[in-house]
Amino acid sequence: MTQAQREAIVDLLHYCMFADNLITISENQFVAAKVQSFSWDPKISFEYYQGKSIGAARAALGDPKTKERFFDSAKQRLATPALRKQALELCQKLFMADGNKAEGEFASEKEVRSGLGL
């Protein structure tokens, strides 16, 4: 996986994490564990990227045009259907990280699926 692909997945995970306006420790732990398993590029500070990613995800949640650009960017970086499917599956797991799937998370899952062209 390239760094751009890892970043796209992190962006999508942050989008999903903020979808229900309730961020849990288990969701944060899920994202941290995934990032650790991705072999994040050591030349790029994850903490710096995380702040940028969270900002982009929150902006996308607040504006339809920004949301469209957000998903277009993720889709371009996740160039293959297999990578897009992997990203969606990780989002689905994130939704269940706190033990239940909130109403907003169902809607966000549909947005992610549609935004990735799945």
C-alpha atoms as a PDB file:
ATOM      1  CA  MET A   1       0.000   0.000   0.000  1.00  0.00           C
ATOM      2  CA  THR A   2       1.328   3.440  -0.875  1.00  0.00           C
ATOM      3  CA  GLN A   3       1.402   6.318   1.595  1.00  0.00           C
ATOM      4  CA  ALA A   4      -1.326   8.108  -0.384  1.00  0.00           C
ATOM      5  CA  GLN A   5      -3.526   5.013  -0.061  1.00  0.00           C
ATOM      6  CA  ARG A   6      -2.877   4.773   3.676  1.00  0.00           C
ATOM      7  CA  GLU A   7      -3.751   8.450   4.031  1.00  0.00           C
ATOM      8  CA  ALA A   8      -6.987   8.004   2.065  1.00  0.00           C
ATOM      9  CA  ILE A   9      -8.065   5.197   4.379  1.00  0.00           C
ATOM     10  CA  VAL A  10      -7.231   7.284   7.446  1.00  0.00           C
ATOM     11  CA  ASP A  11      -9.271  10.156   5.996  1.00  0.00           C
ATOM     12  CA  LEU A  12     -12.251   7.855   5.518  1.00  0.00           C
ATOM     13  CA  LEU A  13     -11.882   6.418   9.013  1.00  0.00           C
ATOM     14  CA  HIS A  14     -11.862   9.914  10.486  1.00  0.00           C
ATOM     15  CA  TYR A  15     -14.945  10.801   8.438  1.00  0.00           C
ATOM     16  CA  CYS A  16     -16.715   7.754   9.839  1.00  0.00           C
ATOM     17  CA  MET A  17     -15.494   8.418  13.370  1.00  0.00           C
ATOM     18  CA  PHE A  18     -17.073  11.884  13.375  1.00  0.00           C
ATOM     19  CA  ALA A  19     -20.255  10.801  11.566  1.00  0.00           C
ATOM     20  CA  ASP A  20     -22.345  10.250  14.687  1.00  0.00           C
ATOM     21  CA  ASN A  21     -20.926  13.182  16.685  1.00  0.00           C
ATOM     22  CA  LEU A  22     -19.769  10.743  19.357  1.00  0.00           C
ATOM     23  CA  ILE A  23     -16.120   9.770  19.439  1.00  0.00           C
ATOM     24  CA  THR A  24     -15.256   6.869  21.693  1.00  0.00           C
ATOM     25  CA  ILE A  25     -11.946   5.614  23.015  1.00  0.00           C
ATOM     26  CA  SER A  26     -12.517   2.341  21.175  1.00  0.00           C
ATOM     27  CA  GLU A  27     -12.846   4.225  17.865  1.00  0.00           C
ATOM     28  CA  ASN A  28      -9.609   6.110  18.519  1.00  0.00           C
ATOM     29  CA  GLN A  29      -7.899   2.851  19.427  1.00  0.00           C
ATOM     30  CA  PHE A  30      -9.217   1.209  16.251  1.00  0.00           C
ATOM     31  CA  VAL A  31      -7.779   3.977  14.052  1.00  0.00           C
ATOM     32  CA  ALA A  32      -4.453   3.900  15.927  1.00  0.00           C
ATOM     33  CA  ALA A  33      -4.192   0.126  15.529  1.00  0.00           C
ATOM     34  CA  LYS A  34      -4.936   0.324  11.800  1.00  0.00           C
ATOM     35  CA  VAL A  35      -2.356   3.038  11.278  1.00  0.00           C
ATOM     36  CA  GLN A  36       0.214   0.946  13.122  1.00  0.00           C
ATOM     37  CA  SER A  37      -0.558  -2.048  10.901  1.00  0.00           C
ATOM     38  CA  PHE A  38      -0.199   0.067   7.732  1.00  0.00           C
ATOM     39  CA  SER A  39       3.533   0.743   8.139  1.00  0.00           C
ATOM     40  CA  TRP A  40       3.012   4.508   8.125  1.00  0.00           C
ATOM     41  CA  ASP A  41       5.868   6.365   6.409  1.00  0.00           C
ATOM     42  CA  PRO A  42       8.235   7.357   9.250  1.00  0.00           C
ATOM     43  CA  LYS A  43       9.154  10.556   7.384  1.00  0.00           C
ATOM     44  CA  ILE A  44       5.574  11.799   7.768  1.00  0.00           C
ATOM     45  CA  SER A  45       4.389  12.617  11.267  1.00  0.00           C
ATOM     46  CA  PHE A  46       1.127  10.788  11.839  1.00  0.00           C
ATOM     47  CA  GLU A  47       0.143  13.304  14.503  1.00  0.00           C
ATOM     48  CA  TYR A  48       0.487  16.133  11.981  1.00  0.00           C
ATOM     49  CA  TYR A  49      -1.388  14.196   9.303  1.00  0.00           C
ATOM     50  CA  GLN A  50      -4.094  13.205  11.769  1.00  0.00           C
ATOM     51  CA  GLY A  51      -4.881  16.855  12.516  1.00  0.00           C
ATOM     52  CA  LYS A  52      -5.090  17.616   8.813  1.00  0.00           C
ATOM     53  CA  SER A  53      -7.238  14.534   8.190  1.00  0.00           C
ATOM     54  CA  ILE A  54      -9.657  15.289  11.011  1.00  0.00           C
ATOM     55  CA  GLY A  55     -10.065  18.826   9.722  1.00  0.00           C
ATOM     56  CA  ALA A  56     -10.824  17.554   6.218  1.00  0.00           C
ATOM     57  CA  ALA A  57     -13.301  14.972   7.528  1.00  0.00           C
ATOM     58  CA  ARG A  58     -15.149  17.509   9.672  1.00  0.00           C
ATOM     59  CA  ALA A  59     -15.291  19.987   6.784  1.00  0.00           C
ATOM     60  CA  ALA A  60     -16.704  17.256   4.528  1.00  0.00           C
ATOM     61  CA  LEU A  61     -19.397  16.455   7.061  1.00  0.00           C
ATOM     62  CA  GLY A  62     -20.441  20.093   7.108  1.00  0.00           C
ATOM     63  CA  ASP A  63     -20.684  20.953   3.411  1.00  0.00           C
ATOM     64  CA  PRO A  64     -22.001  18.938   0.424  1.00  0.00           C
ATOM     65  CA  LYS A  65     -19.469  20.331  -2.084  1.00  0.00           C
ATOM     66  CA  THR A  66     -16.591  19.715   0.287  1.00  0.00           C
ATOM     67  CA  LYS A  67     -17.931  16.199   0.886  1.00  0.00           C
ATOM     68  CA  GLU A  68     -17.944  15.510  -2.847  1.00  0.00           C
ATOM     69  CA  ARG A  69     -14.317  16.678  -3.177  1.00  0.00           C
ATOM     70  CA  PHE A  70     -13.376  14.644  -0.091  1.00  0.00           C
ATOM     71  CA  PHE A  71     -14.758  11.429  -1.578  1.00  0.00           C
ATOM     72  CA  ASP A  72     -13.350  12.171  -5.045  1.00  0.00           C
ATOM     73  CA  SER A  73      -9.912  12.545  -3.505  1.00  0.00           C
ATOM     74  CA  ALA A  74     -10.225   9.286  -1.553  1.00  0.00           C
ATOM     75  CA  LYS A  75     -11.513   7.461  -4.624  1.00  0.00           C
ATOM     76  CA  GLN A  76      -8.594   8.689  -6.747  1.00  0.00           C
ATOM     77  CA  ARG A  77      -6.031   7.642  -4.157  1.00  0.00           C
ATOM     78  CA  LEU A  78      -7.732   4.255  -3.729  1.00  0.00           C
ATOM     79  CA  ALA A  79      -7.473   3.545  -7.430  1.00  0.00           C
ATOM     80  CA  THR A  80      -8.646  -0.066  -7.463  1.00  0.00           C
ATOM     81  CA  PRO A  81     -11.998  -1.574  -6.487  1.00  0.00           C
ATOM     82  CA  ALA A  82     -10.171  -3.912  -4.093  1.00  0.00           C
ATOM     83  CA  LEU A  83      -8.623  -0.999  -2.168  1.00  0.00           C
ATOM     84  CA  ARG A  84     -11.949   0.816  -2.041  1.00  0.00           C
ATOM     85  CA  LYS A  85     -13.644  -2.303  -0.732  1.00  0.00           C
ATOM     86  CA  GLN A  86     -10.927  -2.717   1.894  1.00  0.00           C
ATOM     87  CA  ALA A  87     -11.462   0.891   2.999  1.00  0.00           C
ATOM     88  CA  LEU A  88     -15.230   0.383   3.248  1.00  0.00           C
ATOM     89  CA  GLU A  89     -14.742  -2.796   5.286  1.00  0.00           C
ATOM     90  CA  LEU A  90     -12.485  -0.922   7.704  1.00  0.00           C
ATOM     91  CA  CYS A  91     -15.117   1.801   8.030  1.00  0.00           C
ATOM     92  CA  GLN A  92     -17.740  -0.834   8.794  1.00  0.00           C
ATOM     93  CA  LYS A  93     -15.491  -2.296  11.494  1.00  0.00           C
ATOM     94  CA  LEU A  94     -14.927   1.168  12.938  1.00  0.00           C
ATOM     95  CA  PHE A  95     -18.676   1.695  13.203  1.00  0.00           C
ATOM     96  CA  MET A  96     -18.863  -1.401  15.384  1.00  0.00           C
ATOM     97  CA  ALA A  97     -15.744  -0.610  17.457  1.00  0.00           C
ATOM     98  CA  ASP A  98     -17.854   0.845  20.269  1.00  0.00           C
ATOM     99  CA  GLY A  99     -20.247  -2.103  20.284  1.00  0.00           C
ATOM    100  CA  ASN A 100     -23.172  -0.563  18.406  1.00  0.00           C
ATOM    101  CA  LYS A 101     -23.926   1.167  15.157  1.00  0.00           C
ATOM    102  CA  ALA A 102     -25.630   4.536  15.606  1.00  0.00           C
ATOM    103  CA  GLU A 103     -28.223   5.947  13.217  1.00  0.00           C
ATOM    104  CA  GLY A 104     -25.751   8.475  11.792  1.00  0.00           C
ATOM    105  CA  GLU A 105     -23.301   5.692  11.097  1.00  0.00           C
ATOM    106  CA  PHE A 106     -25.776   3.862   8.863  1.00  0.00           C
ATOM    107  CA  ALA A 107     -26.165   7.006   6.748  1.00  0.00           C
ATOM    108  CA  SER A 108     -22.408   7.565   6.686  1.00  0.00           C
ATOM    109  CA  GLU A 109     -21.776   4.016   5.551  1.00  0.00           C
ATOM    110  CA  LYS A 110     -24.058   4.651   2.571  1.00  0.00           C
ATOM    111  CA  GLU A 111     -22.203   7.900   1.832  1.00  0.00           C
ATOM    112  CA  VAL A 112     -18.827   6.154   1.945  1.00  0.00           C
ATOM    113  CA  ARG A 113     -20.079   3.321  -0.257  1.00  0.00           C
ATOM    114  CA  SER A 114     -21.508   5.776  -2.783  1.00  0.00           C
ATOM    115  CA  GLY A 115     -18.527   8.137  -2.589  1.00  0.00           C
ATOM    116  CA  LEU A 116     -16.148   5.284  -3.369  1.00  0.00           C
ATOM    117  CA  GLY A 117     -18.323   4.034  -6.211  1.00  0.00           C
ATOM    118  CA  LEU A 118     -19.140   0.708  -4.558  1.00  0.00           C
END
